[in-house]
Amino acid sequence: MRKSILTFSFLLLAYTTIQAQKVKFEEYTLQNGMHVILHQDNSAPVVTVAVMYNVGAKDEVDGKTGMAHFYEHLLFTGTKNIGRDQWSKIVSSNGGTGNANTNWDRTYYYETFPSNNLQLGLWMESERLLHPIIDQKAVDTQNEVVKEEKRMRMDNAPYGKFIYGDTYRHIFDKHNYGRPMIGYIKDLDAAKLSEFQDFYNKWYMPNNAVLVVAGDFKKPQAKQWIKAYFGAIPKRTLPERITIVEPERTQEKRVKEYDANIQIPAFILAYKTPSMRAREAKVLDVISTILSNGKSSRLYKKMVDTKKEALQVGSFSRPLKDYSVYSILALPLGKTSLATLEKSMDEEILKLQTELVSDQELQKVRNIFENNFVNSNSNIQGIANTLARNYLLVGDTNRINKELEIINSITKEEIRTVAKKYLAKSRRVVIEYLPESKKKN
């Protein structure tokens, strides 16, 4: 067993050394509405089977939050044909790996196997749709798992509230992005078994999902298996989605957030930005790179290297379907005040809003994006994820081959215009992220 695992790991590593070129794919839709994307690459004998469902935390209703993330765990419990708690054992014993993740927009499941186990991967993913175990024992078990995850990642982790989006409630006043992605534990505790089952029946259907097969396989055989395992699953009526429009902020908002797990405070500038579908979202990615990507970025050179007023600086873009979130963060060095950090950050933002970046700086950014593109698409797991995301959330599967073209077409003038528009002081939320000891009773 150890030898087979090591061999499989070596194959994955070998695959990642291959420079990504244009990603070729085929897509079609089954009669039941399930969309299928096939990316064939026989460079290494591995294959990823992935399914992304068009449901996330934003689709939950008040008083019943946490369901989307909960199913990320629950659907690994087992099925009528896969024994309880046997899912991971079956995957690993067949030389594979697998996982799942959730955000506000979607839920994603995947397995990567040696290519001779493609049929197994397809069967297992079809089992999630056909025969899931949703009983009280499974719910009670996973409820404890979710609670422990929340304690580990949010409640007891330094800066956990910021990293996992709990601070988004300060950014969104109406949209469901303002609720924590993991939901509220009190809602999960209060939920009845029938409510968990209702959530599954409402969202988990073939016509609300995209299936991706990426890697080493033969298309005729893959299509035959896909039809056999997924084609007969009946489609159902999709629920009506509620569109929530978040008003534009016209006045700066200042808040304080307290964290018992930190000793060093953080100063954060947070902005609601355009949907991941918008060109302006890519311009903001470029702006983020200019400001804080690496030690040669503007904020790092100024605040960390030159002025030595920050221990660290960074920016974080979370691309989402309806709106995105862009945050700039700095940790003070020594006795530096948060006001000093704010002054330096504002100075660099103002430069972007009033001056054009240099040719050299723009080319450096393009090089960084090209390198990131190669890295993210140099393994089948990354390609499968990108294809699914682009189809389901961006609305264009071929965006995977347009990313660099878009980045390279962004002009200096666009950077200045977008910085002026979206990084305006009137649009931002200023968060002082402080140790719990600083909280006044």
Protein backbone atom coordinates (compact mmCIF):
# COMPACT_ATOMS: atom_id res chain seq x y z
CA MET A 1 0.00 0.00 0.00
CA ARG A 2 2.79 2.43 0.91
CA LYS A 3 4.45 1.82 -2.44
CA SER A 4 1.24 2.49 -4.39
CA ILE A 5 0.60 5.73 -2.52
CA LEU A 6 4.14 6.93 -3.15
CA THR A 7 3.86 6.03 -6.82
CA PHE A 8 0.58 7.93 -7.16
CA SER A 9 2.09 10.97 -5.42
CA PHE A 10 5.04 10.86 -7.82
CA LEU A 11 2.70 10.84 -10.82
CA LEU A 12 0.88 13.90 -9.51
CA LEU A 13 4.19 15.67 -8.93
CA ALA A 14 5.38 14.77 -12.42
CA TYR A 15 2.20 16.15 -13.90
CA THR A 16 2.63 19.51 -12.15
CA THR A 17 6.01 20.03 -13.81
CA ILE A 18 4.38 20.17 -17.24
CA GLN A 19 3.88 23.74 -18.30
CA ALA A 20 0.21 24.51 -18.89
CA GLN A 21 -0.75 25.50 -22.40
CA LYS A 22 -4.19 26.24 -23.81
CA VAL A 23 -6.67 24.04 -21.98
CA LYS A 24 -8.74 21.97 -24.40
CA PHE A 25 -12.11 20.67 -23.29
CA GLU A 26 -15.43 19.36 -24.53
CA GLU A 27 -18.74 20.14 -22.89
CA TYR A 28 -22.28 18.90 -23.31
CA THR A 29 -25.45 18.52 -21.28
CA LEU A 30 -27.24 15.30 -20.37
CA GLN A 31 -30.99 15.07 -20.93
CA ASN A 32 -31.57 15.53 -17.20
CA GLY A 33 -29.82 18.89 -17.29
CA MET A 34 -26.46 17.91 -15.76
CA HIS A 35 -23.68 19.76 -17.56
CA VAL A 36 -20.54 17.74 -18.35
CA ILE A 37 -17.05 19.03 -19.10
CA LEU A 38 -14.29 16.70 -20.31
CA HIS A 39 -10.62 17.67 -20.33
CA GLN A 40 -8.48 14.87 -21.70
CA ASP A 41 -4.76 14.87 -21.00
CA ASN A 42 -2.90 11.59 -21.14
CA SER A 43 0.41 12.98 -19.87
CA ALA A 44 0.12 11.02 -16.63
CA PRO A 45 -2.15 8.10 -15.64
CA VAL A 46 -4.33 10.05 -13.19
CA VAL A 47 -7.87 11.37 -13.45
CA THR A 48 -10.02 13.74 -11.42
CA VAL A 49 -13.78 13.40 -11.11
CA ALA A 50 -15.42 16.53 -9.70
CA VAL A 51 -18.95 17.79 -9.21
CA MET A 52 -19.81 21.39 -8.36
CA TYR A 53 -23.31 22.18 -7.15
CA ASN A 54 -24.86 25.59 -7.62
CA VAL A 55 -25.65 26.09 -3.93
CA GLY A 56 -23.75 27.84 -1.18
CA ALA A 57 -24.20 29.77 2.03
CA LYS A 58 -25.92 32.68 0.27
CA ASP A 59 -28.81 30.38 -0.66
CA GLU A 60 -29.72 29.65 2.95
CA VAL A 61 -32.65 31.33 4.66
CA ASP A 62 -32.63 33.17 7.97
CA GLY A 63 -32.79 30.83 10.94
CA LYS A 64 -31.55 27.87 8.88
CA THR A 65 -27.96 28.81 8.10
CA GLY A 66 -25.02 26.43 7.85
CA MET A 67 -26.78 23.84 5.69
CA ALA A 68 -24.59 24.26 2.60
CA HIS A 69 -21.34 23.78 4.48
CA PHE A 70 -22.91 21.02 6.57
CA TYR A 71 -23.55 18.94 3.44
CA GLU A 72 -19.90 19.23 2.50
CA HIS A 73 -19.34 16.95 5.50
CA LEU A 74 -22.57 14.98 5.50
CA LEU A 75 -22.17 13.59 1.98
CA PHE A 76 -18.97 11.82 2.98
CA THR A 77 -20.87 9.80 5.60
CA GLY A 78 -21.80 7.10 3.13
CA THR A 79 -24.68 5.94 0.97
CA LYS A 80 -26.97 2.95 0.75
CA ASN A 81 -24.24 1.22 -1.25
CA ILE A 82 -21.20 2.66 0.53
CA GLY A 83 -20.97 1.72 4.19
CA ARG A 84 -21.14 4.40 6.85
CA ASP A 85 -17.73 6.08 7.22
CA GLN A 86 -16.30 3.92 4.41
CA TRP A 87 -16.07 6.68 1.77
CA SER A 88 -12.51 7.81 2.52
CA LYS A 89 -11.33 4.25 3.04
CA ILE A 90 -12.55 3.23 -0.41
CA VAL A 91 -10.84 6.23 -2.00
CA SER A 92 -7.48 5.71 -0.26
CA SER A 93 -7.46 1.92 -0.71
CA ASN A 94 -7.79 2.48 -4.46
CA GLY A 95 -4.83 4.86 -4.59
CA GLY A 96 -6.89 8.04 -4.63
CA THR A 97 -7.39 11.25 -2.75
CA GLY A 98 -10.49 13.38 -2.37
CA ASN A 99 -12.05 16.28 -0.56
CA ALA A 100 -14.74 18.95 -0.72
CA ASN A 101 -15.12 22.66 -0.02
CA THR A 102 -17.88 25.22 0.22
CA ASN A 103 -18.20 28.97 -0.12
CA TRP A 104 -21.08 31.40 -0.38
CA ASP A 105 -21.83 30.48 -4.02
CA ARG A 106 -21.15 26.77 -4.53
CA THR A 107 -20.28 23.38 -3.04
CA TYR A 108 -17.53 21.30 -4.64
CA TYR A 109 -16.63 17.60 -4.34
CA TYR A 110 -13.76 15.79 -6.07
CA GLU A 111 -11.66 12.64 -6.17
CA THR A 112 -8.38 12.00 -7.99
CA PHE A 113 -7.55 8.39 -8.83
CA PRO A 114 -5.12 6.42 -10.95
CA SER A 115 -6.84 6.52 -14.33
CA ASN A 116 -7.87 2.85 -14.20
CA ASN A 117 -10.31 3.87 -11.42
CA LEU A 118 -12.31 6.45 -13.38
CA GLN A 119 -15.39 4.25 -13.25
CA LEU A 120 -15.12 4.04 -9.47
CA GLY A 121 -14.93 7.82 -9.17
CA LEU A 122 -17.99 8.33 -11.36
CA TRP A 123 -19.99 5.74 -9.45
CA MET A 124 -19.09 7.29 -6.09
CA GLU A 125 -20.12 10.79 -7.16
CA SER A 126 -23.38 9.46 -8.60
CA GLU A 127 -24.07 7.86 -5.23
CA ARG A 128 -24.16 11.31 -3.61
CA LEU A 129 -27.13 12.13 -5.85
CA LEU A 130 -28.88 8.77 -5.76
CA HIS A 131 -28.48 7.21 -2.33
CA PRO A 132 -27.13 9.59 0.34
CA ILE A 133 -27.50 8.74 4.02
CA ILE A 134 -29.39 11.58 5.65
CA ASP A 135 -30.51 10.17 8.99
CA GLN A 136 -30.33 11.43 12.55
CA LYS A 137 -27.14 9.54 13.35
CA ALA A 138 -25.32 11.09 10.39
CA VAL A 139 -26.62 14.57 11.25
CA ASP A 140 -25.62 14.30 14.92
CA THR A 141 -22.14 13.03 14.04
CA GLN A 142 -21.43 15.72 11.48
CA ASN A 143 -22.85 18.43 13.72
CA GLU A 144 -20.01 17.74 16.15
CA VAL A 145 -17.51 17.73 13.29
CA VAL A 146 -18.71 21.14 12.09
CA LYS A 147 -18.55 22.55 15.62
CA GLU A 148 -14.98 21.35 16.01
CA GLU A 149 -14.04 22.86 12.65
CA LYS A 150 -15.51 26.20 13.71
CA ARG A 151 -13.60 26.08 17.00
CA MET A 152 -10.35 25.22 15.24
CA ARG A 153 -10.56 27.64 12.30
CA MET A 154 -12.53 30.59 13.65
CA ASP A 155 -13.00 30.62 17.40
CA ASN A 156 -9.48 29.54 18.41
CA ALA A 157 -7.38 30.59 15.39
CA PRO A 158 -5.59 33.95 15.25
CA TYR A 159 -7.42 36.31 12.87
CA GLY A 160 -9.89 33.49 12.16
CA LYS A 161 -12.92 35.80 12.03
CA PHE A 162 -11.28 37.78 9.24
CA ILE A 163 -9.85 34.85 7.30
CA TYR A 164 -13.15 32.95 7.21
CA GLY A 165 -15.37 35.89 6.43
CA ASP A 166 -17.11 36.50 9.75
CA THR A 167 -16.21 40.18 9.40
CA TYR A 168 -18.21 40.41 6.15
CA ARG A 169 -21.23 41.39 8.22
CA HIS A 170 -19.63 44.83 8.38
CA ILE A 171 -19.40 45.01 4.57
CA PHE A 172 -22.82 43.69 3.56
CA ASP A 173 -25.90 45.16 5.18
CA LYS A 174 -28.47 43.23 3.13
CA HIS A 175 -26.80 40.55 1.03
CA ASN A 176 -26.35 37.06 2.47
CA TYR A 177 -22.60 37.34 1.89
CA GLY A 178 -22.71 39.18 5.20
CA ARG A 179 -23.43 35.94 7.05
CA PRO A 180 -20.55 33.62 7.97
CA MET A 181 -20.04 30.92 5.35
CA ILE A 182 -20.10 28.23 8.02
CA GLY A 183 -23.43 29.53 9.31
CA TYR A 184 -24.61 29.84 12.89
CA ILE A 185 -24.23 26.80 15.12
CA LYS A 186 -27.46 27.64 16.95
CA ASP A 187 -29.32 27.18 13.65
CA LEU A 188 -27.78 23.76 13.07
CA ASP A 189 -28.54 22.70 16.63
CA ALA A 190 -32.17 23.74 16.24
CA ALA A 191 -32.69 22.19 12.81
CA LYS A 192 -34.88 19.10 12.53
CA LEU A 193 -33.92 16.07 10.46
CA SER A 194 -36.67 16.91 7.98
CA GLU A 195 -35.11 20.36 7.41
CA PHE A 196 -31.75 18.81 6.51
CA GLN A 197 -33.51 16.46 4.12
CA ASP A 198 -35.51 19.34 2.62
CA PHE A 199 -32.33 21.32 1.92
CA TYR A 200 -30.84 18.37 0.05
CA ASN A 201 -33.99 17.81 -1.98
CA LYS A 202 -34.18 21.50 -2.81
CA TRP A 203 -30.68 21.89 -4.23
CA TYR A 204 -29.03 18.53 -4.97
CA MET A 205 -30.19 17.55 -8.43
CA PRO A 206 -28.38 16.90 -11.73
CA ASN A 207 -29.72 20.06 -13.36
CA ASN A 208 -28.13 22.14 -10.60
CA ALA A 209 -24.65 20.73 -11.05
CA VAL A 210 -21.67 20.46 -13.36
CA LEU A 211 -19.59 17.28 -13.65
CA VAL A 212 -15.94 17.56 -14.71
CA VAL A 213 -13.67 14.69 -15.72
CA ALA A 214 -10.06 15.76 -16.21
CA GLY A 215 -6.95 13.74 -16.92
CA ASP A 216 -6.09 10.41 -18.49
CA PHE A 217 -9.15 8.72 -19.98
CA LYS A 218 -10.73 7.70 -23.28
CA LYS A 219 -13.69 9.89 -24.20
CA PRO A 220 -16.00 7.21 -25.65
CA GLN A 221 -15.68 5.08 -22.54
CA ALA A 222 -15.98 8.07 -20.19
CA LYS A 223 -19.15 9.27 -21.95
CA GLN A 224 -20.64 5.80 -21.73
CA TRP A 225 -20.00 5.58 -17.99
CA ILE A 226 -21.23 9.13 -17.38
CA LYS A 227 -24.50 8.33 -19.11
CA ALA A 228 -24.83 5.06 -17.22
CA TYR A 229 -24.24 6.54 -13.77
CA PHE A 230 -25.77 10.01 -14.10
CA GLY A 231 -28.09 9.96 -17.10
CA ALA A 232 -31.00 8.22 -15.38
CA ILE A 233 -31.05 10.49 -12.34
CA PRO A 234 -34.26 12.51 -12.72
CA LYS A 235 -34.15 16.27 -13.03
CA ARG A 236 -36.30 18.34 -10.72
CA THR A 237 -37.66 21.84 -10.72
CA LEU A 238 -35.02 24.33 -9.68
CA PRO A 239 -35.97 26.56 -6.78
CA GLU A 240 -36.45 30.24 -7.40
CA ARG A 241 -33.36 32.17 -6.37
CA ILE A 242 -33.76 35.42 -4.51
CA THR A 243 -31.67 38.29 -5.86
CA ILE A 244 -30.48 40.62 -3.13
CA VAL A 245 -29.08 43.95 -4.23
CA GLU A 246 -26.53 45.43 -1.86
CA PRO A 247 -26.71 49.26 -1.84
CA GLU A 248 -23.55 51.13 -2.72
CA ARG A 249 -21.79 52.53 0.31
CA THR A 250 -21.56 56.30 0.18
CA GLN A 251 -19.93 56.95 3.56
CA GLU A 252 -16.94 55.37 5.21
CA LYS A 253 -17.79 52.94 8.01
CA ARG A 254 -15.50 52.30 10.98
CA VAL A 255 -15.79 49.30 13.27
CA LYS A 256 -13.79 47.39 15.86
CA GLU A 257 -13.50 43.62 15.95
CA TYR A 258 -12.02 41.75 18.91
CA ASP A 259 -10.13 38.45 18.88
CA ALA A 260 -9.02 36.61 22.02
CA ASN A 261 -6.42 34.67 20.02
CA ILE A 262 -4.18 37.56 18.98
CA GLN A 263 -1.65 39.83 20.63
CA ILE A 264 -0.80 41.93 17.58
CA PRO A 265 -3.70 44.02 16.22
CA ALA A 266 -4.46 44.38 12.53
CA PHE A 267 -5.65 47.32 10.49
CA ILE A 268 -7.96 46.39 7.61
CA LEU A 269 -9.47 48.33 4.73
CA ALA A 270 -12.35 46.32 3.24
CA TYR A 271 -14.35 47.03 0.09
CA LYS A 272 -17.33 45.53 -1.71
CA THR A 273 -16.17 45.10 -5.30
CA PRO A 274 -17.72 43.85 -8.57
CA SER A 275 -18.77 40.31 -9.40
CA MET A 276 -16.05 37.89 -10.44
CA ARG A 277 -17.66 38.02 -13.91
CA ALA A 278 -16.78 41.69 -14.42
CA ARG A 279 -13.66 42.94 -16.16
CA GLU A 280 -13.22 45.45 -13.34
CA ALA A 281 -12.72 42.50 -10.95
CA LYS A 282 -9.62 41.55 -12.96
CA VAL A 283 -8.38 45.12 -12.84
CA LEU A 284 -8.71 45.00 -9.06
CA ASP A 285 -6.67 41.77 -9.06
CA VAL A 286 -3.94 43.70 -10.86
CA ILE A 287 -4.21 46.52 -8.32
CA SER A 288 -3.93 44.02 -5.48
CA THR A 289 -0.76 42.59 -7.03
CA ILE A 290 0.78 46.05 -7.41
CA LEU A 291 0.02 46.98 -3.83
CA SER A 292 1.00 43.91 -1.90
CA ASN A 293 2.12 40.86 -3.87
CA GLY A 294 5.58 39.98 -2.63
CA LYS A 295 8.47 41.93 -1.20
CA SER A 296 8.78 44.15 -4.27
CA SER A 297 5.19 45.39 -3.98
CA ARG A 298 4.49 49.02 -3.10
CA LEU A 299 3.07 48.54 0.38
CA TYR A 300 5.72 46.03 1.43
CA LYS A 301 8.63 48.16 0.25
CA LYS A 302 7.24 51.26 1.91
CA MET A 303 5.78 49.98 5.18
CA VAL A 304 7.96 46.95 5.92
CA ASP A 305 11.33 47.68 4.30
CA THR A 306 11.67 51.46 4.29
CA LYS A 307 9.61 52.85 7.16
CA LYS A 308 9.70 49.66 9.24
CA GLU A 309 6.25 50.46 10.59
CA ALA A 310 4.57 47.18 9.62
CA LEU A 311 5.41 43.62 10.54
CA GLN A 312 3.48 42.44 7.49
CA VAL A 313 1.12 43.78 4.82
CA GLY A 314 -1.14 41.96 2.43
CA SER A 315 -4.29 42.16 0.40
CA PHE A 316 -6.95 39.54 -0.12
CA SER A 317 -9.47 39.31 -2.93
CA ARG A 318 -12.39 36.92 -2.56
CA PRO A 319 -14.08 36.61 -5.96
CA LEU A 320 -17.78 35.81 -5.68
CA LYS A 321 -20.66 35.62 -8.15
CA ASP A 322 -22.82 38.56 -7.05
CA TYR A 323 -20.16 40.79 -5.52
CA SER A 324 -16.55 40.29 -4.47
CA VAL A 325 -14.63 41.43 -1.40
CA TYR A 326 -11.24 43.12 -1.45
CA SER A 327 -9.32 43.70 1.77
CA ILE A 328 -5.96 45.30 2.54
CA LEU A 329 -4.39 44.36 5.88
CA ALA A 330 -1.35 45.49 7.85
CA LEU A 331 0.12 44.38 11.18
CA PRO A 332 1.96 47.10 13.12
CA LEU A 333 5.59 46.67 14.09
CA GLY A 334 6.43 47.55 17.67
CA LYS A 335 4.58 50.61 18.93
CA THR A 336 3.43 51.81 15.51
CA SER A 337 -0.11 53.12 15.74
CA LEU A 338 -2.92 51.92 13.52
CA ALA A 339 -3.36 55.53 12.41
CA THR A 340 0.20 55.46 11.03
CA LEU A 341 -0.57 52.32 9.05
CA GLU A 342 -3.72 53.92 7.68
CA LYS A 343 -1.79 57.00 6.56
CA SER A 344 0.75 54.96 4.62
CA MET A 345 -1.91 52.77 3.02
CA ASP A 346 -3.92 55.81 1.98
CA GLU A 347 -0.86 57.40 0.41
CA GLU A 348 -0.26 54.39 -1.83
CA ILE A 349 -3.92 54.09 -2.77
CA LEU A 350 -3.97 57.78 -3.69
CA LYS A 351 -0.98 57.29 -5.98
CA LEU A 352 -2.85 54.57 -7.85
CA GLN A 353 -5.86 56.87 -8.14
CA THR A 354 -3.94 59.85 -9.49
CA GLU A 355 -0.83 58.51 -11.24
CA LEU A 356 -0.21 55.95 -13.97
CA VAL A 357 1.84 52.88 -13.11
CA SER A 358 5.11 52.45 -14.95
CA ASP A 359 5.67 50.15 -17.92
CA GLN A 360 8.08 48.11 -15.84
CA GLU A 361 5.60 47.65 -13.01
CA LEU A 362 2.79 46.66 -15.37
CA GLN A 363 5.02 44.09 -17.08
CA LYS A 364 6.02 42.66 -13.71
CA VAL A 365 2.36 42.18 -12.85
CA ARG A 366 1.72 40.42 -16.16
CA ASN A 367 4.63 38.08 -15.47
CA ILE A 368 3.22 37.25 -12.04
CA PHE A 369 -0.19 36.43 -13.49
CA GLU A 370 1.34 34.27 -16.20
CA ASN A 371 3.26 32.33 -13.57
CA ASN A 372 0.13 31.97 -11.43
CA PHE A 373 -1.83 30.78 -14.46
CA VAL A 374 0.75 28.11 -15.21
CA ASN A 375 0.82 26.93 -11.61
CA SER A 376 -2.94 26.80 -11.17
CA ASN A 377 -3.47 24.91 -14.41
CA SER A 378 -0.49 22.58 -14.26
CA ASN A 379 -2.33 19.80 -12.45
CA ILE A 380 -5.62 18.12 -13.22
CA GLN A 381 -7.21 19.01 -9.89
CA GLY A 382 -6.62 22.71 -10.55
CA ILE A 383 -7.94 22.48 -14.10
CA ALA A 384 -11.06 20.59 -13.01
CA ASN A 385 -11.82 23.22 -10.37
CA THR A 386 -11.28 26.12 -12.77
CA LEU A 387 -13.45 24.60 -15.49
CA ALA A 388 -16.30 23.94 -13.07
CA ARG A 389 -16.06 27.40 -11.51
CA ASN A 390 -15.94 29.18 -14.83
CA TYR A 391 -18.99 27.36 -16.14
CA LEU A 392 -21.12 27.61 -13.01
CA LEU A 393 -20.15 31.00 -11.59
CA VAL A 394 -18.53 33.00 -14.39
CA GLY A 395 -20.87 31.73 -17.09
CA ASP A 396 -18.06 31.02 -19.55
CA THR A 397 -16.15 27.74 -19.38
CA ASN A 398 -13.57 29.06 -21.82
CA ARG A 399 -12.60 31.86 -19.44
CA ILE A 400 -9.78 29.50 -18.47
CA ASN A 401 -8.15 30.35 -21.82
CA LYS A 402 -8.98 34.06 -21.69
CA GLU A 403 -7.50 34.97 -18.31
CA LEU A 404 -4.08 36.03 -19.54
CA GLU A 405 -5.56 37.80 -22.54
CA ILE A 406 -7.74 39.87 -20.20
CA ILE A 407 -4.87 40.64 -17.85
CA ASN A 408 -2.54 41.63 -20.68
CA SER A 409 -5.17 43.95 -22.15
CA ILE A 410 -5.61 45.95 -18.95
CA THR A 411 -4.23 49.45 -19.39
CA LYS A 412 -2.60 51.90 -17.02
CA GLU A 413 -5.58 54.20 -17.43
CA GLU A 414 -7.98 51.42 -16.41
CA ILE A 415 -5.96 50.76 -13.28
CA ARG A 416 -6.16 54.42 -12.29
CA THR A 417 -9.90 54.64 -13.06
CA VAL A 418 -10.85 51.46 -11.18
CA ALA A 419 -8.70 52.40 -8.18
CA LYS A 420 -10.39 55.78 -8.03
CA LYS A 421 -13.85 54.26 -8.32
CA TYR A 422 -13.71 51.23 -6.03
CA LEU A 423 -11.04 52.19 -3.50
CA ALA A 424 -12.67 55.52 -2.64
CA LYS A 425 -12.76 56.28 1.07
CA SER A 426 -16.53 56.67 0.95
CA ARG A 427 -16.91 53.02 -0.17
CA ARG A 428 -14.76 51.34 2.43
CA VAL A 429 -15.15 49.72 5.80
CA VAL A 430 -12.25 50.38 8.18
CA ILE A 431 -11.77 47.53 10.65
CA GLU A 432 -9.56 47.76 13.71
CA TYR A 433 -8.95 44.11 14.51
CA LEU A 434 -7.90 44.14 18.14
CA PRO A 435 -6.89 41.76 20.94
CA GLU A 436 -9.75 40.93 23.30
CA SER A 437 -7.76 42.58 26.10
CA LYS A 438 -8.33 45.95 24.43
CA LYS A 439 -12.09 45.64 24.73
CA LYS A 440 -13.58 48.03 27.25
CA ASN A 441 -16.18 46.63 29.57
